[in-house]
Amino acid sequence: LSSDFQNWLDSNGYKSDDFDRGGGYSYGGRSYSSESVSKTPVIFIHGNSDKAVGSTVGQTGWTDSIEYFLSRGYRQCELYAITWGPASALQSPQQYHSKPYLTRVRRFIEAVKSYTGKSKVNVIGHSMGVTLARKAIKGGSGHDSLNGGYYNLGSRLNFVDTFIGIAGANLGLSSCYFSGPTTPTCGNTNGFYPGYLYLGTGPYGVSDFLEELNADSSREASYIFSIWSSVDEVIGGGSLVYGKVTCRINGQSNEKVYSTVPYGHFGVKDKTASVQYNMVTYH
C-alpha cells in the first residue's frame, strides 16, 4: 500500500487491521494526497492460500489483472488488494469462512470506498474469495464457533457497482463430498460441504454458511458476473455440484465460460484480465 493510504488508514481507525503486511501482501493507494481518483476503484479478493500480488506456491495473486488494468489507464489509486489469509498452501485445508476473514474483507472494502471518496466500487473475487466477498457485501449474521460464536457484519454494502466471481464454489465443492466434512475448508458449518443426496432428492446437509448465503436474496452489486471453467482442476466434476454449476451466482447478469486448458482454476483468473476489465468497464 502507498504511504498515503497507510497514513490515512492509521488516522481513520484501521491501524489495527494491519492491511499492509508488506512483501506483496497488499496493493493500492494514492501516490500523493491530492491525487484525484477518476475511475471507479476495483478491489481484488484472492482465493485460498493465495495472496494479493506476487508468487506463492503455484499461484500469482492478482499480478496479471493489476498489470492489465494499469495498461488500460488505471492507476494504483484505483486498484486495491489485500491478503486475508496465511498465503500458505500447506495451511489451505484449515481455511474457512471465518468471522475474522469476513470482517477483514468487509472493512477493507469500506476503507477503500471512504479513502477514495467514490460513490461506487467494483469487487472481483477468485475461488474462496468469491464466497468471502459475497458475504462481506451482503452482511448480516452468522456463527463461527471457533471465533466467538454468533456475529453480525452489519447491513448490506449497497455501493458495489460490479461484482465478478471467478471460479467460486457457491454451491460447495464436489471433492468435499468424497472427503466428508473432515477439514475446516470442507466443513458443514462454515466450509464448502455440498451436502448429500437422499433417495435422489436434496441435497441435504449443505454447509450452513453456503445455504444461508444463497438464501439471501439481496444482490452483491448492480451488475453480477461469473467466470468459470468446465476443466477446473480444483473444483472438479466439470464445476458441477449435483448437476448445477457451482460457480454461478444467483441473479448474475452474464458469465464467461471456458472448456479447455490452460483455463483451469488459476488460468480463469490469470488469463482473463481483459474479460474482467470489460465486465467492470462496459458491464
C-alpha atoms as a PDB file:
ATOM      1  CA  LEU A   1       0.000   0.000   0.000  1.00  0.00           C
ATOM      2  CA  SER A   2       1.143   3.523  -0.700  1.00  0.00           C
ATOM      3  CA  SER A   3       2.362   5.672   2.178  1.00  0.00           C
ATOM      4  CA  ASP A   4      -0.589   7.991   1.692  1.00  0.00           C
ATOM      5  CA  PHE A   5      -3.101   5.152   2.061  1.00  0.00           C
ATOM      6  CA  GLN A   6      -1.283   3.726   5.063  1.00  0.00           C
ATOM      7  CA  ASN A   7      -1.287   7.113   6.778  1.00  0.00           C
ATOM      8  CA  TRP A   8      -4.975   7.509   6.040  1.00  0.00           C
ATOM      9  CA  LEU A   9      -5.745   4.052   7.445  1.00  0.00           C
ATOM     10  CA  ASP A  10      -3.801   4.814  10.626  1.00  0.00           C
ATOM     11  CA  SER A  11      -5.672   8.100  11.079  1.00  0.00           C
ATOM     12  CA  ASN A  12      -9.138   6.683  10.397  1.00  0.00           C
ATOM     13  CA  GLY A  13      -9.434   3.733  12.756  1.00  0.00           C
ATOM     14  CA  TYR A  14      -7.883   0.997  10.593  1.00  0.00           C
ATOM     15  CA  LYS A  15      -4.406   0.774  12.107  1.00  0.00           C
ATOM     16  CA  SER A  16      -5.150  -2.458  13.993  1.00  0.00           C
ATOM     17  CA  ASP A  17      -6.372  -4.120  10.776  1.00  0.00           C
ATOM     18  CA  ASP A  18      -2.775  -4.236   9.519  1.00  0.00           C
ATOM     19  CA  PHE A  19      -3.885  -4.287   5.896  1.00  0.00           C
ATOM     20  CA  ASP A  20      -0.384  -3.722   4.530  1.00  0.00           C
ATOM     21  CA  ARG A  21       1.885  -6.516   5.851  1.00  0.00           C
ATOM     22  CA  GLY A  22       4.431  -5.770   3.069  1.00  0.00           C
ATOM     23  CA  GLY A  23       6.015  -8.216   0.620  1.00  0.00           C
ATOM     24  CA  GLY A  24       3.225  -8.486  -1.939  1.00  0.00           C
ATOM     25  CA  TYR A  25       0.519  -8.795   0.675  1.00  0.00           C
ATOM     26  CA  SER A  26      -1.304  -5.672  -0.449  1.00  0.00           C
ATOM     27  CA  TYR A  27      -1.655  -3.120  -3.235  1.00  0.00           C
ATOM     28  CA  GLY A  28      -3.244   0.278  -3.783  1.00  0.00           C
ATOM     29  CA  GLY A  29      -3.381   3.912  -2.747  1.00  0.00           C
ATOM     30  CA  ARG A  30      -2.583   7.419  -3.909  1.00  0.00           C
ATOM     31  CA  SER A  31       0.977   8.371  -4.785  1.00  0.00           C
ATOM     32  CA  TYR A  32       0.360  11.769  -3.128  1.00  0.00           C
ATOM     33  CA  SER A  33      -2.515  13.069  -1.016  1.00  0.00           C
ATOM     34  CA  SER A  34      -4.008  15.375  -3.655  1.00  0.00           C
ATOM     35  CA  GLU A  35      -4.025  12.777  -6.449  1.00  0.00           C
ATOM     36  CA  SER A  36      -7.506  12.513  -7.919  1.00  0.00           C
ATOM     37  CA  VAL A  37      -9.296   9.186  -8.246  1.00  0.00           C
ATOM     38  CA  SER A  38     -11.076   9.260 -11.606  1.00  0.00           C
ATOM     39  CA  LYS A  39     -12.183   5.676 -12.204  1.00  0.00           C
ATOM     40  CA  THR A  40     -14.414   3.541 -10.010  1.00  0.00           C
ATOM     41  CA  PRO A  41     -11.964   1.614  -7.769  1.00  0.00           C
ATOM     42  CA  VAL A  42     -11.505  -2.110  -8.300  1.00  0.00           C
ATOM     43  CA  ILE A  43     -10.958  -4.294  -5.227  1.00  0.00           C
ATOM     44  CA  PHE A  44      -9.457  -7.765  -5.737  1.00  0.00           C
ATOM     45  CA  ILE A  45     -10.133 -10.580  -3.229  1.00  0.00           C
ATOM     46  CA  HIS A  46      -7.881 -13.628  -3.644  1.00  0.00           C
ATOM     47  CA  GLY A  47      -8.608 -17.309  -3.030  1.00  0.00           C
ATOM     48  CA  ASN A  48      -7.494 -19.909  -0.500  1.00  0.00           C
ATOM     49  CA  SER A  49      -3.690 -19.993   0.055  1.00  0.00           C
ATOM     50  CA  ASP A  50      -3.106 -17.141  -2.431  1.00  0.00           C
ATOM     51  CA  LYS A  51      -2.154 -13.532  -1.667  1.00  0.00           C
ATOM     52  CA  ALA A  52      -2.715 -10.070  -3.095  1.00  0.00           C
ATOM     53  CA  VAL A  53       0.169  -9.885  -5.593  1.00  0.00           C
ATOM     54  CA  GLY A  54       3.362 -11.799  -6.309  1.00  0.00           C
ATOM     55  CA  SER A  55       4.037 -15.511  -6.171  1.00  0.00           C
ATOM     56  CA  THR A  56       3.084 -18.182  -3.697  1.00  0.00           C
ATOM     57  CA  VAL A  57       3.362 -21.906  -4.467  1.00  0.00           C
ATOM     58  CA  GLY A  58       1.562 -22.341  -7.797  1.00  0.00           C
ATOM     59  CA  GLN A  59      -0.260 -19.009  -7.572  1.00  0.00           C
ATOM     60  CA  THR A  60       0.458 -15.407  -8.539  1.00  0.00           C
ATOM     61  CA  GLY A  61      -2.210 -13.362  -6.803  1.00  0.00           C
ATOM     62  CA  TRP A  62      -3.711 -10.566  -8.883  1.00  0.00           C
ATOM     63  CA  THR A  63      -0.443  -9.600 -10.583  1.00  0.00           C
ATOM     64  CA  ASP A  64      -1.689 -10.215 -14.132  1.00  0.00           C
ATOM     65  CA  SER A  65      -5.005  -8.445 -13.607  1.00  0.00           C
ATOM     66  CA  ILE A  66      -3.414  -5.403 -11.985  1.00  0.00           C
ATOM     67  CA  GLU A  67      -0.815  -5.125 -14.759  1.00  0.00           C
ATOM     68  CA  TYR A  68      -3.533  -5.294 -17.412  1.00  0.00           C
ATOM     69  CA  PHE A  69      -5.738  -2.697 -15.709  1.00  0.00           C
ATOM     70  CA  LEU A  70      -2.710  -0.409 -15.398  1.00  0.00           C
ATOM     71  CA  SER A  71      -2.062  -0.836 -19.121  1.00  0.00           C
ATOM     72  CA  ARG A  72      -5.623   0.325 -19.809  1.00  0.00           C
ATOM     73  CA  GLY A  73      -5.307   3.594 -17.940  1.00  0.00           C
ATOM     74  CA  TYR A  74      -5.973   2.649 -14.332  1.00  0.00           C
ATOM     75  CA  ARG A  75      -3.598   3.903 -11.648  1.00  0.00           C
ATOM     76  CA  GLN A  76      -2.536   2.469  -8.299  1.00  0.00           C
ATOM     77  CA  CYS A  77      -5.028   4.773  -6.569  1.00  0.00           C
ATOM     78  CA  GLU A  78      -7.832   2.950  -8.426  1.00  0.00           C
ATOM     79  CA  LEU A  79      -6.731  -0.670  -7.833  1.00  0.00           C
ATOM     80  CA  TYR A  80      -6.702  -2.374  -4.429  1.00  0.00           C
ATOM     81  CA  ALA A  81      -5.914  -5.770  -2.943  1.00  0.00           C
ATOM     82  CA  ILE A  82      -5.068  -7.246   0.449  1.00  0.00           C
ATOM     83  CA  THR A  83      -4.201 -10.689   1.749  1.00  0.00           C
ATOM     84  CA  TRP A  84      -6.853 -12.114   4.050  1.00  0.00           C
ATOM     85  CA  GLY A  85      -5.207 -15.453   4.900  1.00  0.00           C
ATOM     86  CA  PRO A  86      -1.810 -17.010   5.610  1.00  0.00           C
ATOM     87  CA  ALA A  87      -0.848 -17.356   1.907  1.00  0.00           C
ATOM     88  CA  SER A  88       0.327 -20.913   2.502  1.00  0.00           C
ATOM     89  CA  ALA A  89      -0.730 -23.955   0.508  1.00  0.00           C
ATOM     90  CA  LEU A  90       0.175 -26.157   3.474  1.00  0.00           C
ATOM     91  CA  GLN A  91      -2.480 -24.398   5.539  1.00  0.00           C
ATOM     92  CA  SER A  92      -5.200 -24.381   2.872  1.00  0.00           C
ATOM     93  CA  PRO A  93      -7.287 -27.235   4.416  1.00  0.00           C
ATOM     94  CA  GLN A  94      -7.635 -25.167   7.601  1.00  0.00           C
ATOM     95  CA  GLN A  95      -9.132 -22.074   5.958  1.00  0.00           C
ATOM     96  CA  TYR A  96     -12.869 -21.441   6.111  1.00  0.00           C
ATOM     97  CA  HIS A  97     -15.373 -18.568   6.050  1.00  0.00           C
ATOM     98  CA  SER A  98     -14.376 -17.316   9.472  1.00  0.00           C
ATOM     99  CA  LYS A  99     -15.552 -14.210  11.268  1.00  0.00           C
ATOM    100  CA  PRO A 100     -12.034 -12.662  11.168  1.00  0.00           C
ATOM    101  CA  TYR A 101     -11.690 -13.195   7.398  1.00  0.00           C
ATOM    102  CA  LEU A 102     -15.177 -11.881   6.643  1.00  0.00           C
ATOM    103  CA  THR A 103     -14.599  -8.851   8.851  1.00  0.00           C
ATOM    104  CA  ARG A 104     -11.201  -8.169   7.275  1.00  0.00           C
ATOM    105  CA  VAL A 105     -12.569  -8.269   3.726  1.00  0.00           C
ATOM    106  CA  ARG A 106     -15.583  -6.138   4.595  1.00  0.00           C
ATOM    107  CA  ARG A 107     -13.562  -3.480   6.430  1.00  0.00           C
ATOM    108  CA  PHE A 108     -11.137  -3.232   3.513  1.00  0.00           C
ATOM    109  CA  ILE A 109     -13.983  -2.693   1.049  1.00  0.00           C
ATOM    110  CA  GLU A 110     -15.404   0.004   3.324  1.00  0.00           C
ATOM    111  CA  ALA A 111     -11.978   1.593   3.763  1.00  0.00           C
ATOM    112  CA  VAL A 112     -11.319   1.798   0.013  1.00  0.00           C
ATOM    113  CA  LYS A 113     -14.665   3.471  -0.630  1.00  0.00           C
ATOM    114  CA  SER A 114     -14.123   6.003   2.145  1.00  0.00           C
ATOM    115  CA  TYR A 115     -10.496   6.687   1.225  1.00  0.00           C
ATOM    116  CA  THR A 116     -11.139   7.200  -2.495  1.00  0.00           C
ATOM    117  CA  GLY A 117     -14.290   9.223  -1.936  1.00  0.00           C
ATOM    118  CA  LYS A 118     -16.056   7.455  -4.780  1.00  0.00           C
ATOM    119  CA  SER A 119     -19.748   6.611  -4.631  1.00  0.00           C
ATOM    120  CA  LYS A 120     -19.177   3.096  -6.000  1.00  0.00           C
ATOM    121  CA  VAL A 121     -16.533   0.368  -6.021  1.00  0.00           C
ATOM    122  CA  ASN A 122     -16.076  -2.815  -8.067  1.00  0.00           C
ATOM    123  CA  VAL A 123     -15.178  -6.142  -6.449  1.00  0.00           C
ATOM    124  CA  ILE A 124     -13.522  -9.114  -8.156  1.00  0.00           C
ATOM    125  CA  GLY A 125     -13.098 -12.358  -6.226  1.00  0.00           C
ATOM    126  CA  HIS A 126     -11.436 -15.666  -7.032  1.00  0.00           C
ATOM    127  CA  SER A 127     -12.195 -19.101  -5.573  1.00  0.00           C
ATOM    128  CA  MET A 128     -12.824 -18.789  -1.814  1.00  0.00           C
ATOM    129  CA  GLY A 129     -12.539 -15.035  -2.258  1.00  0.00           C
ATOM    130  CA  VAL A 130     -15.855 -15.155  -4.126  1.00  0.00           C
ATOM    131  CA  THR A 131     -17.875 -16.527  -1.228  1.00  0.00           C
ATOM    132  CA  LEU A 132     -15.989 -14.455   1.357  1.00  0.00           C
ATOM    133  CA  ALA A 133     -16.662 -11.269  -0.612  1.00  0.00           C
ATOM    134  CA  ARG A 134     -20.302 -12.161  -1.248  1.00  0.00           C
ATOM    135  CA  LYS A 135     -20.968 -12.498   2.481  1.00  0.00           C
ATOM    136  CA  ALA A 136     -18.873  -9.450   3.329  1.00  0.00           C
ATOM    137  CA  ILE A 137     -21.024  -7.394   0.956  1.00  0.00           C
ATOM    138  CA  LYS A 138     -24.372  -8.923   1.923  1.00  0.00           C
ATOM    139  CA  GLY A 139     -23.588  -8.542   5.621  1.00  0.00           C
ATOM    140  CA  GLY A 140     -25.910  -9.940   8.237  1.00  0.00           C
ATOM    141  CA  SER A 141     -25.441 -12.540  10.928  1.00  0.00           C
ATOM    142  CA  GLY A 142     -23.532 -15.801  11.120  1.00  0.00           C
ATOM    143  CA  HIS A 143     -21.962 -18.203  13.565  1.00  0.00           C
ATOM    144  CA  ASP A 144     -18.305 -19.108  13.982  1.00  0.00           C
ATOM    145  CA  SER A 145     -17.836 -21.388  16.980  1.00  0.00           C
ATOM    146  CA  LEU A 146     -14.042 -21.093  16.749  1.00  0.00           C
ATOM    147  CA  ASN A 147     -14.130 -17.286  16.903  1.00  0.00           C
ATOM    148  CA  GLY A 148     -16.645 -16.158  19.473  1.00  0.00           C
ATOM    149  CA  GLY A 149     -19.855 -17.715  18.201  1.00  0.00           C
ATOM    150  CA  TYR A 150     -22.595 -15.512  16.751  1.00  0.00           C
ATOM    151  CA  TYR A 151     -21.711 -12.306  14.911  1.00  0.00           C
ATOM    152  CA  ASN A 152     -23.345  -9.663  12.760  1.00  0.00           C
ATOM    153  CA  LEU A 153     -21.419  -7.915   9.996  1.00  0.00           C
ATOM    154  CA  GLY A 154     -23.976  -5.154   9.623  1.00  0.00           C
ATOM    155  CA  SER A 155     -26.236  -4.079   6.797  1.00  0.00           C
ATOM    156  CA  ARG A 156     -25.644  -4.764   3.114  1.00  0.00           C
ATOM    157  CA  LEU A 157     -22.969  -2.699   1.391  1.00  0.00           C
ATOM    158  CA  ASN A 158     -25.102  -1.086  -1.305  1.00  0.00           C
ATOM    159  CA  PHE A 159     -22.319   0.697  -3.160  1.00  0.00           C
ATOM    160  CA  VAL A 160     -20.837  -2.123  -5.272  1.00  0.00           C
ATOM    161  CA  ASP A 161     -21.307  -1.434  -8.977  1.00  0.00           C
ATOM    162  CA  THR A 162     -19.889  -4.656 -10.480  1.00  0.00           C
ATOM    163  CA  PHE A 163     -19.153  -7.948  -8.752  1.00  0.00           C
ATOM    164  CA  ILE A 164     -17.212 -10.662 -10.582  1.00  0.00           C
ATOM    165  CA  GLY A 165     -16.941 -14.160  -9.140  1.00  0.00           C
ATOM    166  CA  ILE A 166     -14.153 -16.219 -10.709  1.00  0.00           C
ATOM    167  CA  ALA A 167     -14.158 -19.986 -10.083  1.00  0.00           C
ATOM    168  CA  GLY A 168     -16.205 -19.664  -6.928  1.00  0.00           C
ATOM    169  CA  ALA A 169     -17.700 -22.673  -5.150  1.00  0.00           C
ATOM    170  CA  ASN A 170     -21.066 -21.138  -4.335  1.00  0.00           C
ATOM    171  CA  LEU A 171     -22.834 -24.497  -4.020  1.00  0.00           C
ATOM    172  CA  GLY A 172     -19.855 -26.234  -2.449  1.00  0.00           C
ATOM    173  CA  LEU A 173     -17.014 -28.399  -3.691  1.00  0.00           C
ATOM    174  CA  SER A 174     -17.705 -31.861  -5.080  1.00  0.00           C
ATOM    175  CA  SER A 175     -14.349 -33.002  -3.687  1.00  0.00           C
ATOM    176  CA  CYS A 176     -15.638 -32.234  -0.195  1.00  0.00           C
ATOM    177  CA  TYR A 177     -18.435 -34.754  -0.699  1.00  0.00           C
ATOM    178  CA  PHE A 178     -15.902 -37.541  -1.119  1.00  0.00           C
ATOM    179  CA  SER A 179     -13.724 -36.432   1.772  1.00  0.00           C
ATOM    180  CA  GLY A 180     -16.629 -35.545   4.012  1.00  0.00           C
ATOM    181  CA  PRO A 181     -16.653 -32.531   6.346  1.00  0.00           C
ATOM    182  CA  THR A 182     -13.303 -33.600   7.811  1.00  0.00           C
ATOM    183  CA  THR A 183     -11.435 -30.291   7.492  1.00  0.00           C
ATOM    184  CA  PRO A 184     -12.454 -26.683   8.140  1.00  0.00           C
ATOM    185  CA  THR A 185     -12.369 -25.987   4.379  1.00  0.00           C
ATOM    186  CA  CYS A 186     -14.820 -28.812   3.727  1.00  0.00           C
ATOM    187  CA  GLY A 187     -16.791 -28.173   6.912  1.00  0.00           C
ATOM    188  CA  ASN A 188     -20.573 -28.385   7.010  1.00  0.00           C
ATOM    189  CA  THR A 189     -20.866 -25.228   9.111  1.00  0.00           C
ATOM    190  CA  ASN A 190     -18.615 -22.595   7.513  1.00  0.00           C
ATOM    191  CA  GLY A 191     -16.864 -24.603   4.806  1.00  0.00           C
ATOM    192  CA  PHE A 192     -17.648 -25.930   1.346  1.00  0.00           C
ATOM    193  CA  TYR A 193     -19.503 -29.151   2.138  1.00  0.00           C
ATOM    194  CA  PRO A 194     -22.054 -29.629  -0.695  1.00  0.00           C
ATOM    195  CA  GLY A 195     -24.357 -31.918   1.277  1.00  0.00           C
ATOM    196  CA  TYR A 196     -25.562 -35.332   0.205  1.00  0.00           C
ATOM    197  CA  LEU A 197     -28.449 -36.733  -1.808  1.00  0.00           C
ATOM    198  CA  TYR A 198     -31.055 -38.886  -0.128  1.00  0.00           C
ATOM    199  CA  LEU A 199     -33.114 -41.109  -2.427  1.00  0.00           C
ATOM    200  CA  GLY A 200     -32.452 -38.775  -5.315  1.00  0.00           C
ATOM    201  CA  THR A 201     -33.765 -35.644  -3.617  1.00  0.00           C
ATOM    202  CA  GLY A 202     -31.908 -32.917  -1.827  1.00  0.00           C
ATOM    203  CA  PRO A 203     -29.146 -32.126  -1.306  1.00  0.00           C
ATOM    204  CA  TYR A 204     -29.258 -32.249   2.474  1.00  0.00           C
ATOM    205  CA  GLY A 205     -26.663 -31.115   4.957  1.00  0.00           C
ATOM    206  CA  VAL A 206     -25.164 -28.375   2.795  1.00  0.00           C
ATOM    207  CA  SER A 207     -22.735 -26.089   4.614  1.00  0.00           C
ATOM    208  CA  ASP A 208     -24.730 -23.727   6.826  1.00  0.00           C
ATOM    209  CA  PHE A 209     -22.694 -20.806   5.538  1.00  0.00           C
ATOM    210  CA  LEU A 210     -23.398 -21.550   1.859  1.00  0.00           C
ATOM    211  CA  GLU A 211     -27.042 -22.333   2.466  1.00  0.00           C
ATOM    212  CA  GLU A 212     -27.609 -19.048   4.272  1.00  0.00           C
ATOM    213  CA  LEU A 213     -25.523 -17.116   1.746  1.00  0.00           C
ATOM    214  CA  ASN A 214     -27.520 -18.373  -1.228  1.00  0.00           C
ATOM    215  CA  ALA A 215     -30.847 -17.969   0.570  1.00  0.00           C
ATOM    216  CA  ASP A 216     -30.147 -14.262   0.987  1.00  0.00           C
ATOM    217  CA  SER A 217     -31.839 -12.612  -1.991  1.00  0.00           C
ATOM    218  CA  SER A 218     -30.023  -9.291  -1.648  1.00  0.00           C
ATOM    219  CA  ARG A 219     -27.734  -8.548  -4.573  1.00  0.00           C
ATOM    220  CA  GLU A 220     -23.971  -8.251  -4.336  1.00  0.00           C
ATOM    221  CA  ALA A 221     -23.892  -5.478  -6.924  1.00  0.00           C
ATOM    222  CA  SER A 222     -25.800  -3.711  -9.659  1.00  0.00           C
ATOM    223  CA  TYR A 223     -24.037  -5.992 -12.165  1.00  0.00           C
ATOM    224  CA  ILE A 224     -23.015  -9.549 -11.296  1.00  0.00           C
ATOM    225  CA  PHE A 225     -20.843 -11.785 -13.467  1.00  0.00           C
ATOM    226  CA  SER A 226     -19.165 -15.159 -13.135  1.00  0.00           C
ATOM    227  CA  ILE A 227     -16.127 -16.562 -14.910  1.00  0.00           C
ATOM    228  CA  TRP A 228     -15.584 -20.302 -14.731  1.00  0.00           C
ATOM    229  CA  SER A 229     -14.238 -23.367 -16.476  1.00  0.00           C
ATOM    230  CA  SER A 230     -15.520 -26.880 -17.045  1.00  0.00           C
ATOM    231  CA  VAL A 231     -11.915 -28.116 -16.757  1.00  0.00           C
ATOM    232  CA  ASP A 232     -11.333 -26.569 -13.328  1.00  0.00           C
ATOM    233  CA  GLU A 233      -8.925 -28.990 -11.639  1.00  0.00           C
ATOM    234  CA  VAL A 234      -9.646 -27.732  -8.116  1.00  0.00           C
ATOM    235  CA  ILE A 235     -13.438 -27.603  -8.193  1.00  0.00           C
ATOM    236  CA  GLY A 236     -13.558 -30.739 -10.353  1.00  0.00           C
ATOM    237  CA  GLY A 237     -16.564 -32.513 -11.823  1.00  0.00           C
ATOM    238  CA  GLY A 238     -16.949 -30.041 -14.654  1.00  0.00           C
ATOM    239  CA  SER A 239     -17.612 -27.393 -11.978  1.00  0.00           C
ATOM    240  CA  LEU A 240     -20.894 -29.157 -11.278  1.00  0.00           C
ATOM    241  CA  VAL A 241     -22.349 -29.986  -7.881  1.00  0.00           C
ATOM    242  CA  TYR A 242     -25.323 -32.334  -8.152  1.00  0.00           C
ATOM    243  CA  GLY A 243     -25.886 -31.198 -11.736  1.00  0.00           C
ATOM    244  CA  LYS A 244     -25.678 -27.466 -11.067  1.00  0.00           C
ATOM    245  CA  VAL A 245     -22.786 -25.128 -11.873  1.00  0.00           C
ATOM    246  CA  THR A 246     -21.310 -24.189  -8.508  1.00  0.00           C
ATOM    247  CA  CYS A 247     -19.537 -21.142  -9.964  1.00  0.00           C
ATOM    248  CA  ARG A 248     -22.728 -19.355 -10.954  1.00  0.00           C
ATOM    249  CA  ILE A 249     -24.126 -16.657  -8.674  1.00  0.00           C
ATOM    250  CA  ASN A 250     -27.819 -16.094  -8.074  1.00  0.00           C
ATOM    251  CA  GLY A 251     -29.027 -13.142 -10.125  1.00  0.00           C
ATOM    252  CA  GLN A 252     -25.905 -12.913 -12.271  1.00  0.00           C
ATOM    253  CA  SER A 253     -26.096 -10.693 -15.342  1.00  0.00           C
ATOM    254  CA  ASN A 254     -23.930 -12.893 -17.533  1.00  0.00           C
ATOM    255  CA  GLU A 255     -20.980 -15.276 -17.496  1.00  0.00           C
ATOM    256  CA  LYS A 256     -17.825 -16.207 -19.392  1.00  0.00           C
ATOM    257  CA  VAL A 257     -17.221 -19.946 -19.644  1.00  0.00           C
ATOM    258  CA  TYR A 258     -14.102 -21.849 -20.712  1.00  0.00           C
ATOM    259  CA  SER A 259     -13.703 -25.520 -21.508  1.00  0.00           C
ATOM    260  CA  THR A 260     -10.049 -26.047 -22.414  1.00  0.00           C
ATOM    261  CA  VAL A 261      -6.611 -25.889 -20.862  1.00  0.00           C
ATOM    262  CA  PRO A 262      -4.991 -23.537 -19.792  1.00  0.00           C
ATOM    263  CA  TYR A 263      -8.242 -22.151 -18.406  1.00  0.00           C
ATOM    264  CA  GLY A 264      -8.301 -24.202 -15.248  1.00  0.00           C
ATOM    265  CA  HIS A 265      -8.827 -22.982 -11.706  1.00  0.00           C
ATOM    266  CA  PHE A 266      -5.965 -20.485 -11.834  1.00  0.00           C
ATOM    267  CA  GLY A 267      -5.997 -19.831 -15.565  1.00  0.00           C
ATOM    268  CA  VAL A 268      -9.513 -18.376 -15.385  1.00  0.00           C
ATOM    269  CA  LYS A 269      -8.072 -15.740 -13.055  1.00  0.00           C
ATOM    270  CA  ASP A 270      -4.635 -15.110 -14.545  1.00  0.00           C
ATOM    271  CA  LYS A 271      -5.593 -15.271 -18.229  1.00  0.00           C
ATOM    272  CA  THR A 272      -8.885 -13.357 -18.221  1.00  0.00           C
ATOM    273  CA  ALA A 273      -7.763  -9.860 -17.236  1.00  0.00           C
ATOM    274  CA  SER A 274      -9.240  -8.378 -20.421  1.00  0.00           C
ATOM    275  CA  VAL A 275     -12.578 -10.049 -19.675  1.00  0.00           C
ATOM    276  CA  GLN A 276     -12.520  -8.683 -16.128  1.00  0.00           C
ATOM    277  CA  TYR A 277     -11.744  -5.230 -17.485  1.00  0.00           C
ATOM    278  CA  ASN A 278     -14.606  -5.361 -19.990  1.00  0.00           C
ATOM    279  CA  MET A 279     -17.062  -6.508 -17.330  1.00  0.00           C
ATOM    280  CA  VAL A 280     -16.322  -3.628 -14.961  1.00  0.00           C
ATOM    281  CA  THR A 281     -15.983  -1.085 -17.791  1.00  0.00           C
ATOM    282  CA  TYR A 282     -18.835  -1.988 -20.128  1.00  0.00           C
ATOM    283  CA  HIS A 283     -20.980  -4.262 -17.946  1.00  0.00           C
END
